[in-house]
C-alpha cells in the first residue's frame, strides 16, 4: 500500500484476512490507522509489527484495536502470531461449515464475520 488513504480505500472495498501495521507510517500514525480500520471492520485481526518497543507503544496498539503487537525484528514471533490467526480463522470456517451443513440457518460468511479473534 502506498498511503493510509489508499489502504483505507482498499479495506473498504476488499476483504482481507489480516492487517499488518507498523506504528510509524510515512503519512499517518499507525495507531490512528488501526482505529480507522476498527471503525468499519471490528473482526479482522490487526497485528502490529514495529520497532517501537516500549510497553507504552504495545499498550497504544492494543488500545487502538490491534489483536497483537510484535516487536521488530522478531520474525519468529511474527510468523507464530500469523499462524495463530490463520489457525483460528480455519477453525471458525470449519465450524461454520459444520453448522451450515447441520441446520443451514447461517451462511459461512456470517459465522466468519462474527468470530472473535481476540487473544
PDB file of N, CA and C in Angstrom:
ATOM      1  N   UNK A   1       0.838  -1.179   0.000  1.00  0.00           N
ATOM      2  CA  UNK A   1       0.000   0.000   0.000  1.00  0.00           C
ATOM      3  C   UNK A   1       0.879   1.237   0.000  1.00  0.00           C
ATOM      4  N   UNK A   2       0.460   2.240  -0.711  1.00  0.00           N
ATOM      5  CA  UNK A   2       1.220   3.466  -0.784  1.00  0.00           C
ATOM      6  C   UNK A   2       0.977   4.403   0.377  1.00  0.00           C
ATOM      7  N   UNK A   3      -0.292   4.738   0.630  1.00  0.00           N
ATOM      8  CA  UNK A   3      -0.627   5.687   1.699  1.00  0.00           C
ATOM      9  C   UNK A   3      -1.743   5.112   2.560  1.00  0.00           C
ATOM     10  N   UNK A   4      -1.954   5.738   3.687  1.00  0.00           N
ATOM     11  CA  UNK A   4      -3.045   5.314   4.571  1.00  0.00           C
ATOM     12  C   UNK A   4      -4.394   5.494   3.874  1.00  0.00           C
ATOM     13  N   UNK A   5      -4.542   6.555   3.124  1.00  0.00           N
ATOM     14  CA  UNK A   5      -5.790   6.795   2.394  1.00  0.00           C
ATOM     15  C   UNK A   5      -6.055   5.673   1.383  1.00  0.00           C
ATOM     16  N   UNK A   6      -5.016   5.238   0.676  1.00  0.00           N
ATOM     17  CA  UNK A   6      -5.162   4.121  -0.255  1.00  0.00           C
ATOM     18  C   UNK A   6      -5.501   2.834   0.488  1.00  0.00           C
ATOM     19  N   UNK A   7      -4.873   2.634   1.647  1.00  0.00           N
ATOM     20  CA  UNK A   7      -5.155   1.442   2.448  1.00  0.00           C
ATOM     21  C   UNK A   7      -6.612   1.424   2.888  1.00  0.00           C
ATOM     22  N   UNK A   8      -7.101   2.522   3.404  1.00  0.00           N
ATOM     23  CA  UNK A   8      -8.491   2.611   3.855  1.00  0.00           C
ATOM     24  C   UNK A   8      -9.440   2.363   2.686  1.00  0.00           C
ATOM     25  N   UNK A   9      -9.144   2.931   1.542  1.00  0.00           N
ATOM     26  CA  UNK A   9      -9.977   2.728   0.366  1.00  0.00           C
ATOM     27  C   UNK A   9     -10.031   1.247  -0.009  1.00  0.00           C
ATOM     28  N   UNK A  10      -8.885   0.579  -0.013  1.00  0.00           N
ATOM     29  CA  UNK A  10      -8.844  -0.848  -0.333  1.00  0.00           C
ATOM     30  C   UNK A  10      -9.572  -1.684   0.709  1.00  0.00           C
ATOM     31  N   UNK A  11      -9.401  -1.339   1.964  1.00  0.00           N
ATOM     32  CA  UNK A  11     -10.038  -2.086   3.046  1.00  0.00           C
ATOM     33  C   UNK A  11     -11.556  -1.977   2.969  1.00  0.00           C
ATOM     34  N   UNK A  12     -12.037  -0.827   2.522  1.00  0.00           N
ATOM     35  CA  UNK A  12     -13.484  -0.632   2.423  1.00  0.00           C
ATOM     36  C   UNK A  12     -14.097  -1.375   1.236  1.00  0.00           C
ATOM     37  N   UNK A  13     -13.288  -1.720   0.243  1.00  0.00           N
ATOM     38  CA  UNK A  13     -13.840  -2.369  -0.945  1.00  0.00           C
ATOM     39  C   UNK A  13     -13.432  -3.832  -1.097  1.00  0.00           C
ATOM     40  N   UNK A  14     -12.429  -4.275  -0.361  1.00  0.00           N
ATOM     41  CA  UNK A  14     -11.950  -5.650  -0.465  1.00  0.00           C
ATOM     42  C   UNK A  14     -11.946  -6.297   0.912  1.00  0.00           C
ATOM     43  N   UNK A  15     -11.890  -7.629   0.925  1.00  0.00           N
ATOM     44  CA  UNK A  15     -11.817  -8.370   2.174  1.00  0.00           C
ATOM     45  C   UNK A  15     -10.386  -8.867   2.381  1.00  0.00           C
ATOM     46  N   UNK A  16      -9.873  -8.682   3.596  1.00  0.00           N
ATOM     47  CA  UNK A  16      -8.536  -9.142   3.953  1.00  0.00           C
ATOM     48  C   UNK A  16      -8.637 -10.105   5.124  1.00  0.00           C
ATOM     49  N   UNK A  17      -7.666 -11.014   5.229  1.00  0.00           N
ATOM     50  CA  UNK A  17      -7.641 -11.976   6.326  1.00  0.00           C
ATOM     51  C   UNK A  17      -6.900 -11.444   7.536  1.00  0.00           C
ATOM     52  N   UNK A  18      -6.036 -10.451   7.323  1.00  0.00           N
ATOM     53  CA  UNK A  18      -5.196  -9.914   8.387  1.00  0.00           C
ATOM     54  C   UNK A  18      -4.695  -8.545   7.947  1.00  0.00           C
ATOM     55  N   UNK A  19      -4.601  -7.619   8.894  1.00  0.00           N
ATOM     56  CA  UNK A  19      -3.978  -6.326   8.629  1.00  0.00           C
ATOM     57  C   UNK A  19      -2.656  -6.295   9.400  1.00  0.00           C
ATOM     58  N   UNK A  20      -1.575  -6.006   8.711  1.00  0.00           N
ATOM     59  CA  UNK A  20      -0.254  -5.917   9.319  1.00  0.00           C
ATOM     60  C   UNK A  20       0.176  -4.458   9.256  1.00  0.00           C
ATOM     61  N   UNK A  21       0.346  -3.851  10.424  1.00  0.00           N
ATOM     62  CA  UNK A  21       0.661  -2.423  10.503  1.00  0.00           C
ATOM     63  C   UNK A  21       1.966  -2.181  11.240  1.00  0.00           C
ATOM     64  N   UNK A  22       2.536  -1.025  11.001  1.00  0.00           N
ATOM     65  CA  UNK A  22       3.656  -0.524  11.786  1.00  0.00           C
ATOM     66  C   UNK A  22       3.126   0.688  12.537  1.00  0.00           C
ATOM     67  N   UNK A  23       3.696   0.977  13.674  1.00  0.00           N
ATOM     68  CA  UNK A  23       3.227   2.141  14.435  1.00  0.00           C
ATOM     69  C   UNK A  23       3.665   3.440  13.767  1.00  0.00           C
ATOM     70  N   UNK A  24       4.741   3.373  13.005  1.00  0.00           N
ATOM     71  CA  UNK A  24       5.259   4.569  12.323  1.00  0.00           C
ATOM     72  C   UNK A  24       5.078   4.403  10.821  1.00  0.00           C
ATOM     73  N   UNK A  25       4.200   5.206  10.279  1.00  0.00           N
ATOM     74  CA  UNK A  25       3.940   5.190   8.845  1.00  0.00           C
ATOM     75  C   UNK A  25       4.269   6.559   8.270  1.00  0.00           C
ATOM     76  N   UNK A  26       4.594   6.638   6.986  1.00  0.00           N
ATOM     77  CA  UNK A  26       5.022   7.914   6.407  1.00  0.00           C
ATOM     78  C   UNK A  26       3.980   9.028   6.466  1.00  0.00           C
ATOM     79  N   UNK A  27       2.697   8.681   6.317  1.00  0.00           N
ATOM     80  CA  UNK A  27       1.700   9.745   6.194  1.00  0.00           C
ATOM     81  C   UNK A  27       0.691   9.794   7.329  1.00  0.00           C
ATOM     82  N   UNK A  28       0.720   8.824   8.237  1.00  0.00           N
ATOM     83  CA  UNK A  28      -0.234   8.795   9.348  1.00  0.00           C
ATOM     84  C   UNK A  28       0.346   7.941  10.472  1.00  0.00           C
ATOM     85  N   UNK A  29      -0.107   8.192  11.655  1.00  0.00           N
ATOM     86  CA  UNK A  29       0.274   7.377  12.802  1.00  0.00           C
ATOM     87  C   UNK A  29      -0.392   6.004  12.663  1.00  0.00           C
ATOM     88  N   UNK A  30       0.356   4.939  12.825  1.00  0.00           N
ATOM     89  CA  UNK A  30      -0.190   3.594  12.689  1.00  0.00           C
ATOM     90  C   UNK A  30      -1.322   3.302  13.660  1.00  0.00           C
ATOM     91  N   UNK A  31      -1.263   3.901  14.846  1.00  0.00           N
ATOM     92  CA  UNK A  31      -2.324   3.696  15.833  1.00  0.00           C
ATOM     93  C   UNK A  31      -3.633   4.343  15.347  1.00  0.00           C
ATOM     94  N   UNK A  32      -3.507   5.510  14.720  1.00  0.00           N
ATOM     95  CA  UNK A  32      -4.694   6.161  14.154  1.00  0.00           C
ATOM     96  C   UNK A  32      -5.279   5.325  13.022  1.00  0.00           C
ATOM     97  N   UNK A  33      -4.420   4.773  12.175  1.00  0.00           N
ATOM     98  CA  UNK A  33      -4.895   3.916  11.095  1.00  0.00           C
ATOM     99  C   UNK A  33      -5.609   2.691  11.662  1.00  0.00           C
ATOM    100  N   UNK A  34      -5.071   2.124  12.706  1.00  0.00           N
ATOM    101  CA  UNK A  34      -5.703   0.968  13.355  1.00  0.00           C
ATOM    102  C   UNK A  34      -7.109   1.327  13.829  1.00  0.00           C
ATOM    103  N   UNK A  35      -7.256   2.470  14.468  1.00  0.00           N
ATOM    104  CA  UNK A  35      -8.581   2.908  14.930  1.00  0.00           C
ATOM    105  C   UNK A  35      -9.535   3.113  13.756  1.00  0.00           C
ATOM    106  N   UNK A  36      -9.020   3.687  12.660  1.00  0.00           N
ATOM    107  CA  UNK A  36      -9.856   3.903  11.478  1.00  0.00           C
ATOM    108  C   UNK A  36     -10.325   2.565  10.902  1.00  0.00           C
ATOM    109  N   UNK A  37      -9.444   1.591  10.876  1.00  0.00           N
ATOM    110  CA  UNK A  37      -9.829   0.262  10.388  1.00  0.00           C
ATOM    111  C   UNK A  37     -10.918  -0.319  11.281  1.00  0.00           C
ATOM    112  N   UNK A  38     -10.743  -0.198  12.583  1.00  0.00           N
ATOM    113  CA  UNK A  38     -11.721  -0.760  13.522  1.00  0.00           C
ATOM    114  C   UNK A  38     -13.082  -0.072  13.414  1.00  0.00           C
ATOM    115  N   UNK A  39     -13.107   1.156  12.912  1.00  0.00           N
ATOM    116  CA  UNK A  39     -14.384   1.854  12.741  1.00  0.00           C
ATOM    117  C   UNK A  39     -15.319   1.113  11.794  1.00  0.00           C
ATOM    118  N   UNK A  40     -14.767   0.389  10.831  1.00  0.00           N
ATOM    119  CA  UNK A  40     -15.635  -0.319   9.893  1.00  0.00           C
ATOM    120  C   UNK A  40     -15.308  -1.801   9.759  1.00  0.00           C
ATOM    121  N   UNK A  41     -14.330  -2.308  10.486  1.00  0.00           N
ATOM    122  CA  UNK A  41     -14.019  -3.738  10.480  1.00  0.00           C
ATOM    123  C   UNK A  41     -13.592  -4.135  11.887  1.00  0.00           C
ATOM    124  N   UNK A  42     -14.546  -4.621  12.628  1.00  0.00           N
ATOM    125  CA  UNK A  42     -14.297  -4.959  14.030  1.00  0.00           C
ATOM    126  C   UNK A  42     -13.730  -6.358  14.217  1.00  0.00           C
ATOM    127  N   UNK A  43     -13.669  -7.164  13.164  1.00  0.00           N
ATOM    128  CA  UNK A  43     -13.357  -8.578  13.365  1.00  0.00           C
ATOM    129  C   UNK A  43     -12.052  -9.068  12.759  1.00  0.00           C
ATOM    130  N   UNK A  44     -11.600  -8.479  11.673  1.00  0.00           N
ATOM    131  CA  UNK A  44     -10.374  -8.962  11.048  1.00  0.00           C
ATOM    132  C   UNK A  44      -9.189  -8.658  11.962  1.00  0.00           C
ATOM    133  N   UNK A  45      -8.328  -9.650  12.192  1.00  0.00           N
ATOM    134  CA  UNK A  45      -7.181  -9.413  13.080  1.00  0.00           C
ATOM    135  C   UNK A  45      -6.270  -8.307  12.572  1.00  0.00           C
ATOM    136  N   UNK A  46      -5.795  -7.514  13.516  1.00  0.00           N
ATOM    137  CA  UNK A  46      -4.797  -6.483  13.229  1.00  0.00           C
ATOM    138  C   UNK A  46      -3.563  -6.811  14.056  1.00  0.00           C
ATOM    139  N   UNK A  47      -2.432  -6.848  13.376  1.00  0.00           N
ATOM    140  CA  UNK A  47      -1.164  -7.171  14.006  1.00  0.00           C
ATOM    141  C   UNK A  47      -0.183  -6.036  13.751  1.00  0.00           C
ATOM    142  N   UNK A  48       0.364  -5.480  14.819  1.00  0.00           N
ATOM    143  CA  UNK A  48       1.434  -4.502  14.682  1.00  0.00           C
ATOM    144  C   UNK A  48       2.757  -5.247  14.656  1.00  0.00           C
ATOM    145  N   UNK A  49       3.607  -4.896  13.715  1.00  0.00           N
ATOM    146  CA  UNK A  49       4.980  -5.379  13.645  1.00  0.00           C
ATOM    147  C   UNK A  49       5.834  -4.132  13.558  1.00  0.00           C
ATOM    148  N   UNK A  50       6.410  -3.741  14.681  1.00  0.00           N
ATOM    149  CA  UNK A  50       7.010  -2.415  14.785  1.00  0.00           C
ATOM    150  C   UNK A  50       8.301  -2.430  15.584  1.00  0.00           C
ATOM    151  N   UNK A  51       9.151  -1.483  15.275  1.00  0.00           N
ATOM    152  CA  UNK A  51      10.378  -1.297  16.033  1.00  0.00           C
ATOM    153  C   UNK A  51      10.163  -0.500  17.309  1.00  0.00           C
ATOM    154  N   UNK A  52       8.992   0.095  17.478  1.00  0.00           N
ATOM    155  CA  UNK A  52       8.667   0.833  18.706  1.00  0.00           C
ATOM    156  C   UNK A  52       8.432  -0.199  19.810  1.00  0.00           C
ATOM    157  N   UNK A  53       9.411  -0.321  20.699  1.00  0.00           N
ATOM    158  CA  UNK A  53       9.432  -1.459  21.619  1.00  0.00           C
ATOM    159  C   UNK A  53       9.058  -1.148  23.063  1.00  0.00           C
ATOM    160  N   UNK A  54       8.639   0.056  23.348  1.00  0.00           N
ATOM    161  CA  UNK A  54       8.264   0.384  24.724  1.00  0.00           C
ATOM    162  C   UNK A  54       6.907  -0.228  25.070  1.00  0.00           C
ATOM    163  N   UNK A  55       6.721  -0.523  26.333  1.00  0.00           N
ATOM    164  CA  UNK A  55       5.432  -1.057  26.789  1.00  0.00           C
ATOM    165  C   UNK A  55       4.293  -0.102  26.434  1.00  0.00           C
ATOM    166  N   UNK A  56       4.572   1.193  26.508  1.00  0.00           N
ATOM    167  CA  UNK A  56       3.550   2.191  26.156  1.00  0.00           C
ATOM    168  C   UNK A  56       3.126   2.053  24.692  1.00  0.00           C
ATOM    169  N   UNK A  57       4.076   1.713  23.812  1.00  0.00           N
ATOM    170  CA  UNK A  57       3.748   1.516  22.395  1.00  0.00           C
ATOM    171  C   UNK A  57       2.844   0.298  22.234  1.00  0.00           C
ATOM    172  N   UNK A  58       3.197  -0.791  22.896  1.00  0.00           N
ATOM    173  CA  UNK A  58       2.378  -2.010  22.820  1.00  0.00           C
ATOM    174  C   UNK A  58       0.971  -1.737  23.350  1.00  0.00           C
ATOM    175  N   UNK A  59       0.910  -1.018  24.448  1.00  0.00           N
ATOM    176  CA  UNK A  59      -0.386  -0.689  25.045  1.00  0.00           C
ATOM    177  C   UNK A  59      -1.219   0.164  24.090  1.00  0.00           C
ATOM    178  N   UNK A  60      -0.591   1.154  23.469  1.00  0.00           N
ATOM    179  CA  UNK A  60      -1.311   2.003  22.496  1.00  0.00           C
ATOM    180  C   UNK A  60      -1.858   1.178  21.332  1.00  0.00           C
ATOM    181  N   UNK A  61      -1.081   0.215  20.870  1.00  0.00           N
ATOM    182  CA  UNK A  61      -1.519  -0.628  19.763  1.00  0.00           C
ATOM    183  C   UNK A  61      -2.741  -1.455  20.136  1.00  0.00           C
ATOM    184  N   UNK A  62      -2.709  -2.073  21.292  1.00  0.00           N
ATOM    185  CA  UNK A  62      -3.837  -2.893  21.742  1.00  0.00           C
ATOM    186  C   UNK A  62      -5.052  -2.008  22.008  1.00  0.00           C
ATOM    187  N   UNK A  63      -4.831  -0.856  22.633  1.00  0.00           N
ATOM    188  CA  UNK A  63      -5.945   0.066  22.898  1.00  0.00           C
ATOM    189  C   UNK A  63      -6.542   0.627  21.604  1.00  0.00           C
ATOM    190  N   UNK A  64      -5.736   0.714  20.554  1.00  0.00           N
ATOM    191  CA  UNK A  64      -6.232   1.201  19.266  1.00  0.00           C
ATOM    192  C   UNK A  64      -7.079   0.154  18.555  1.00  0.00           C
ATOM    193  N   UNK A  65      -6.993  -1.097  19.017  1.00  0.00           N
ATOM    194  CA  UNK A  65      -7.817  -2.152  18.428  1.00  0.00           C
ATOM    195  C   UNK A  65      -7.054  -3.321  17.858  1.00  0.00           C
ATOM    196  N   UNK A  66      -5.735  -3.317  17.996  1.00  0.00           N
ATOM    197  CA  UNK A  66      -4.940  -4.434  17.476  1.00  0.00           C
ATOM    198  C   UNK A  66      -5.133  -5.675  18.341  1.00  0.00           C
ATOM    199  N   UNK A  67      -4.957  -6.826  17.711  1.00  0.00           N
ATOM    200  CA  UNK A  67      -5.053  -8.097  18.415  1.00  0.00           C
ATOM    201  C   UNK A  67      -3.706  -8.536  18.977  1.00  0.00           C
ATOM    202  N   UNK A  68      -2.623  -8.047  18.373  1.00  0.00           N
ATOM    203  CA  UNK A  68      -1.284  -8.429  18.826  1.00  0.00           C
ATOM    204  C   UNK A  68      -0.289  -7.353  18.415  1.00  0.00           C
ATOM    205  N   UNK A  69       0.850  -7.365  19.109  1.00  0.00           N
ATOM    206  CA  UNK A  69       1.911  -6.401  18.848  1.00  0.00           C
ATOM    207  C   UNK A  69       3.232  -7.156  18.958  1.00  0.00           C
ATOM    208  N   UNK A  70       3.942  -7.289  17.861  1.00  0.00           N
ATOM    209  CA  UNK A  70       5.223  -7.982  17.823  1.00  0.00           C
ATOM    210  C   UNK A  70       6.303  -6.959  17.510  1.00  0.00           C
ATOM    211  N   UNK A  71       7.408  -7.054  18.233  1.00  0.00           N
ATOM    212  CA  UNK A  71       8.491  -6.089  18.085  1.00  0.00           C
ATOM    213  C   UNK A  71       9.505  -6.576  17.047  1.00  0.00           C
ATOM    214  N   UNK A  72       9.855  -5.685  16.115  1.00  0.00           N
ATOM    215  CA  UNK A  72      10.883  -5.988  15.124  1.00  0.00           C
ATOM    216  C   UNK A  72      12.212  -6.177  15.819  1.00  0.00           C
ATOM    217  N   UNK A  73      13.046  -7.051  15.381  1.00  0.00           N
ATOM    218  CA  UNK A  73      12.959  -7.911  14.203  1.00  0.00           C
ATOM    219  C   UNK A  73      12.557  -9.346  14.549  1.00  0.00           C
ATOM    220  N   UNK A  74      11.641  -9.555  15.450  1.00  0.00           N
ATOM    221  CA  UNK A  74      11.235 -10.900  15.885  1.00  0.00           C
ATOM    222  C   UNK A  74      10.381 -11.586  14.812  1.00  0.00           C
ATOM    223  N   UNK A  75      11.033 -12.087  13.766  1.00  0.00           N
ATOM    224  CA  UNK A  75      10.308 -12.727  12.667  1.00  0.00           C
ATOM    225  C   UNK A  75       9.648 -14.030  13.107  1.00  0.00           C
ATOM    226  N   UNK A  76      10.293 -14.736  14.050  1.00  0.00           N
ATOM    227  CA  UNK A  76       9.672 -15.960  14.563  1.00  0.00           C
ATOM    228  C   UNK A  76       8.360 -15.626  15.274  1.00  0.00           C
ATOM    229  N   UNK A  77       8.374 -14.571  16.075  1.00  0.00           N
ATOM    230  CA  UNK A  77       7.153 -14.132  16.752  1.00  0.00           C
ATOM    231  C   UNK A  77       6.096 -13.672  15.763  1.00  0.00           C
ATOM    232  N   UNK A  78       6.527 -12.988  14.707  1.00  0.00           N
ATOM    233  CA  UNK A  78       5.605 -12.541  13.670  1.00  0.00           C
ATOM    234  C   UNK A  78       4.940 -13.740  12.998  1.00  0.00           C
ATOM    235  N   UNK A  79       5.735 -14.710  12.565  1.00  0.00           N
ATOM    236  CA  UNK A  79       5.185 -15.893  11.902  1.00  0.00           C
ATOM    237  C   UNK A  79       4.302 -16.710  12.837  1.00  0.00           C
ATOM    238  N   UNK A  80       4.722 -16.862  14.080  1.00  0.00           N
ATOM    239  CA  UNK A  80       3.924 -17.600  15.062  1.00  0.00           C
ATOM    240  C   UNK A  80       2.553 -16.936  15.260  1.00  0.00           C
ATOM    241  N   UNK A  81       2.544 -15.625  15.365  1.00  0.00           N
ATOM    242  CA  UNK A  81       1.293 -14.901  15.571  1.00  0.00           C
ATOM    243  C   UNK A  81       0.390 -15.003  14.344  1.00  0.00           C
ATOM    244  N   UNK A  82       0.964 -14.872  13.171  1.00  0.00           N
ATOM    245  CA  UNK A  82       0.174 -15.017  11.942  1.00  0.00           C
ATOM    246  C   UNK A  82      -0.415 -16.423  11.865  1.00  0.00           C
ATOM    247  N   UNK A  83       0.387 -17.437  12.178  1.00  0.00           N
ATOM    248  CA  UNK A  83      -0.110 -18.819  12.153  1.00  0.00           C
ATOM    249  C   UNK A  83      -1.263 -19.012  13.138  1.00  0.00           C
ATOM    250  N   UNK A  84      -1.184 -18.369  14.304  1.00  0.00           N
ATOM    251  CA  UNK A  84      -2.285 -18.455  15.280  1.00  0.00           C
ATOM    252  C   UNK A  84      -3.561 -17.855  14.696  1.00  0.00           C
ATOM    253  N   UNK A  85      -3.453 -16.705  14.041  1.00  0.00           N
ATOM    254  CA  UNK A  85      -4.632 -16.077  13.441  1.00  0.00           C
ATOM    255  C   UNK A  85      -5.206 -16.940  12.326  1.00  0.00           C
ATOM    256  N   UNK A  86      -4.333 -17.538  11.513  1.00  0.00           N
ATOM    257  CA  UNK A  86      -4.795 -18.407  10.426  1.00  0.00           C
ATOM    258  C   UNK A  86      -5.482 -19.641  10.996  1.00  0.00           C
ATOM    259  N   UNK A  87      -4.891 -20.239  12.026  1.00  0.00           N
ATOM    260  CA  UNK A  87      -5.498 -21.424  12.639  1.00  0.00           C
ATOM    261  C   UNK A  87      -6.873 -21.094  13.212  1.00  0.00           C
ATOM    262  N   UNK A  88      -7.008 -19.960  13.858  1.00  0.00           N
ATOM    263  CA  UNK A  88      -8.308 -19.558  14.399  1.00  0.00           C
ATOM    264  C   UNK A  88      -9.322 -19.354  13.284  1.00  0.00           C
ATOM    265  N   UNK A  89      -8.877 -18.703  12.208  1.00  0.00           N
ATOM    266  CA  UNK A  89      -9.758 -18.456  11.075  1.00  0.00           C
ATOM    267  C   UNK A  89     -10.214 -19.772  10.444  1.00  0.00           C
ATOM    268  N   UNK A  90      -9.295 -20.705  10.281  1.00  0.00           N
ATOM    269  CA  UNK A  90      -9.643 -22.000   9.705  1.00  0.00           C
ATOM    270  C   UNK A  90     -10.583 -22.770  10.624  1.00  0.00           C
ATOM    271  N   UNK A  91     -10.356 -22.678  11.928  1.00  0.00           N
ATOM    272  CA  UNK A  91     -11.224 -23.347  12.888  1.00  0.00           C
ATOM    273  C   UNK A  91     -12.638 -22.784  12.831  1.00  0.00           C
ATOM    274  N   UNK A  92     -12.741 -21.477  12.766  1.00  0.00           N
ATOM    275  CA  UNK A  92     -14.050 -20.824  12.672  1.00  0.00           C
ATOM    276  C   UNK A  92     -14.737 -21.214  11.372  1.00  0.00           C
ATOM    277  N   UNK A  93     -13.973 -21.224  10.278  1.00  0.00           N
ATOM    278  CA  UNK A  93     -14.546 -21.581   8.978  1.00  0.00           C
ATOM    279  C   UNK A  93     -15.017 -23.030   8.983  1.00  0.00           C
ATOM    280  N   UNK A  94     -14.226 -23.923   9.579  1.00  0.00           N
ATOM    281  CA  UNK A  94     -14.622 -25.326   9.655  1.00  0.00           C
ATOM    282  C   UNK A  94     -15.873 -25.511  10.490  1.00  0.00           C
ATOM    283  N   UNK A  95     -15.953 -24.840  11.606  1.00  0.00           N
ATOM    284  CA  UNK A  95     -17.144 -24.925  12.452  1.00  0.00           C
ATOM    285  C   UNK A  95     -18.354 -24.345  11.744  1.00  0.00           C
ATOM    286  N   UNK A  96     -18.145 -23.264  11.017  1.00  0.00           N
ATOM    287  CA  UNK A  96     -19.253 -22.644  10.284  1.00  0.00           C
ATOM    288  C   UNK A  96     -19.780 -23.593   9.213  1.00  0.00           C
ATOM    289  N   UNK A  97     -18.852 -24.291   8.525  1.00  0.00           N
ATOM    290  CA  UNK A  97     -19.288 -25.271   7.528  1.00  0.00           C
ATOM    291  C   UNK A  97     -20.104 -26.371   8.176  1.00  0.00           C
ATOM    292  N   UNK A  98     -19.636 -26.872   9.325  1.00  0.00           N
ATOM    293  CA  UNK A  98     -20.359 -27.931  10.029  1.00  0.00           C
ATOM    294  C   UNK A  98     -21.732 -27.434  10.477  1.00  0.00           C
ATOM    295  N   UNK A  99     -21.789 -26.241  11.024  1.00  0.00           N
ATOM    296  CA  UNK A  99     -23.070 -25.669  11.452  1.00  0.00           C
ATOM    297  C   UNK A  99     -24.010 -25.491  10.273  1.00  0.00           C
ATOM    298  N   UNK A 100     -23.468 -25.025   9.158  1.00  0.00           N
ATOM    299  CA  UNK A 100     -24.280 -24.787   7.968  1.00  0.00           C
ATOM    300  C   UNK A 100     -24.840 -26.100   7.432  1.00  0.00           C
ATOM    301  N   UNK A 101     -24.042 -27.151   7.481  1.00  0.00           N
ATOM    302  CA  UNK A 101     -24.498 -28.448   6.980  1.00  0.00           C
ATOM    303  C   UNK A 101     -25.585 -29.039   7.868  1.00  0.00           C
ATOM    304  N   UNK A 102     -25.518 -28.768   9.174  1.00  0.00           N
ATOM    305  CA  UNK A 102     -26.492 -29.331  10.110  1.00  0.00           C
ATOM    306  C   UNK A 102     -27.833 -28.631  10.007  1.00  0.00           C
ATOM    307  N   UNK A 103     -27.832 -27.308  10.051  1.00  0.00           N
ATOM    308  CA  UNK A 103     -29.127 -26.624  10.098  1.00  0.00           C
ATOM    309  C   UNK A 103     -29.343 -25.588   9.000  1.00  0.00           C
ATOM    310  N   UNK A 104     -28.331 -25.324   8.207  1.00  0.00           N
ATOM    311  CA  UNK A 104     -28.461 -24.382   7.086  1.00  0.00           C
ATOM    312  C   UNK A 104     -29.089 -23.047   7.471  1.00  0.00           C
ATOM    313  N   UNK A 105     -28.885 -22.587   8.711  1.00  0.00           N
ATOM    314  CA  UNK A 105     -29.506 -21.340   9.136  1.00  0.00           C
ATOM    315  C   UNK A 105     -28.624 -20.126   8.908  1.00  0.00           C
ATOM    316  N   UNK A 106     -27.324 -20.303   8.876  1.00  0.00           N
ATOM    317  CA  UNK A 106     -26.426 -19.163   8.719  1.00  0.00           C
ATOM    318  C   UNK A 106     -25.384 -19.482   7.657  1.00  0.00           C
ATOM    319  N   UNK A 107     -25.155 -18.596   6.736  1.00  0.00           N
ATOM    320  CA  UNK A 107     -24.110 -18.825   5.742  1.00  0.00           C
ATOM    321  C   UNK A 107     -22.734 -18.690   6.380  1.00  0.00           C
ATOM    322  N   UNK A 108     -21.755 -19.256   5.737  1.00  0.00           N
ATOM    323  CA  UNK A 108     -20.384 -19.231   6.216  1.00  0.00           C
ATOM    324  C   UNK A 108     -19.901 -17.816   6.488  1.00  0.00           C
ATOM    325  N   UNK A 109     -20.204 -16.878   5.619  1.00  0.00           N
ATOM    326  CA  UNK A 109     -19.718 -15.509   5.801  1.00  0.00           C
ATOM    327  C   UNK A 109     -20.243 -14.899   7.095  1.00  0.00           C
ATOM    328  N   UNK A 110     -21.448 -15.253   7.519  1.00  0.00           N
ATOM    329  CA  UNK A 110     -21.978 -14.739   8.779  1.00  0.00           C
ATOM    330  C   UNK A 110     -21.132 -15.240   9.943  1.00  0.00           C
ATOM    331  N   UNK A 111     -20.826 -16.519   9.956  1.00  0.00           N
ATOM    332  CA  UNK A 111     -20.040 -17.089  11.046  1.00  0.00           C
ATOM    333  C   UNK A 111     -18.652 -16.465  11.116  1.00  0.00           C
ATOM    334  N   UNK A 112     -18.022 -16.309   9.983  1.00  0.00           N
ATOM    335  CA  UNK A 112     -16.676 -15.736   9.966  1.00  0.00           C
ATOM    336  C   UNK A 112     -16.722 -14.280  10.415  1.00  0.00           C
ATOM    337  N   UNK A 113     -17.703 -13.554   9.964  1.00  0.00           N
ATOM    338  CA  UNK A 113     -17.817 -12.135  10.315  1.00  0.00           C
ATOM    339  C   UNK A 113     -18.051 -11.927  11.808  1.00  0.00           C
ATOM    340  N   UNK A 114     -18.649 -12.888  12.475  1.00  0.00           N
ATOM    341  CA  UNK A 114     -18.949 -12.742  13.887  1.00  0.00           C
ATOM    342  C   UNK A 114     -17.970 -13.498  14.788  1.00  0.00           C
ATOM    343  N   UNK A 115     -16.898 -14.011  14.233  1.00  0.00           N
ATOM    344  CA  UNK A 115     -15.910 -14.737  15.031  1.00  0.00           C
ATOM    345  C   UNK A 115     -15.096 -13.777  15.884  1.00  0.00           C
ATOM    346  N   UNK A 116     -14.649 -14.251  17.016  1.00  0.00           N
ATOM    347  CA  UNK A 116     -13.800 -13.431  17.880  1.00  0.00           C
ATOM    348  C   UNK A 116     -12.356 -13.824  17.684  1.00  0.00           C
ATOM    349  N   UNK A 117     -11.526 -12.852  17.315  1.00  0.00           N
ATOM    350  CA  UNK A 117     -10.121 -13.104  17.097  1.00  0.00           C
ATOM    351  C   UNK A 117      -9.275 -12.603  18.268  1.00  0.00           C
ATOM    352  N   UNK A 118      -9.910 -12.177  19.320  1.00  0.00           N
ATOM    353  CA  UNK A 118      -9.163 -11.616  20.445  1.00  0.00           C
ATOM    354  C   UNK A 118      -8.376 -12.702  21.147  1.00  0.00           C
ATOM    355  N   UNK A 119      -7.162 -12.395  21.501  1.00  0.00           N
ATOM    356  CA  UNK A 119      -6.293 -13.349  22.197  1.00  0.00           C
ATOM    357  C   UNK A 119      -6.735 -13.518  23.627  1.00  0.00           C
TER     358      UNK A 119
END
